[in-house]
């Protein structure tokens, strides 16, 4: 009976740990100036330095907004005024540096300094616009996209 209870307890602990691992944050807001917003599951959340970002979040800056983000793999994102970027896919293992980064940009200007994901697996880092998808090989770059 004790073995059965111990096994059940071990399973319960393992299941309880799964959601926490699945919900690891993708990045952190470092700076926010002017009009900025974050949409998570279609709902706005307050933007401030220290706010965690998650896969699926949509980052938006207004005509006077700037947003600085550090991803968990040390990728740096800077959104200029009038920019919309969605964090479509993000995963990062801090022990192995394996992961993937896929963001979609619909408009505005985005500056990127790639981090450990692009250094370890360059094919796993990409930014999409409506007309192209950029694969990155560990570098710094700026993307500008128009809505049309």
Foldseek 3Di string as FASTA:
>chain_A
DVVVVVVVVVVVVVVVVVVVLVFDFFKWWQDKDAAKWKADPNHTDDDDGGDTHHQFIKIFAAQQMWIWMQTPQRKIKIFGHGWIKHFHAWDADVVVREIATEMEIQFGKMKIQDGSHLQVPQQRYWYHYPVDIDGDNGGIDMDGHDND
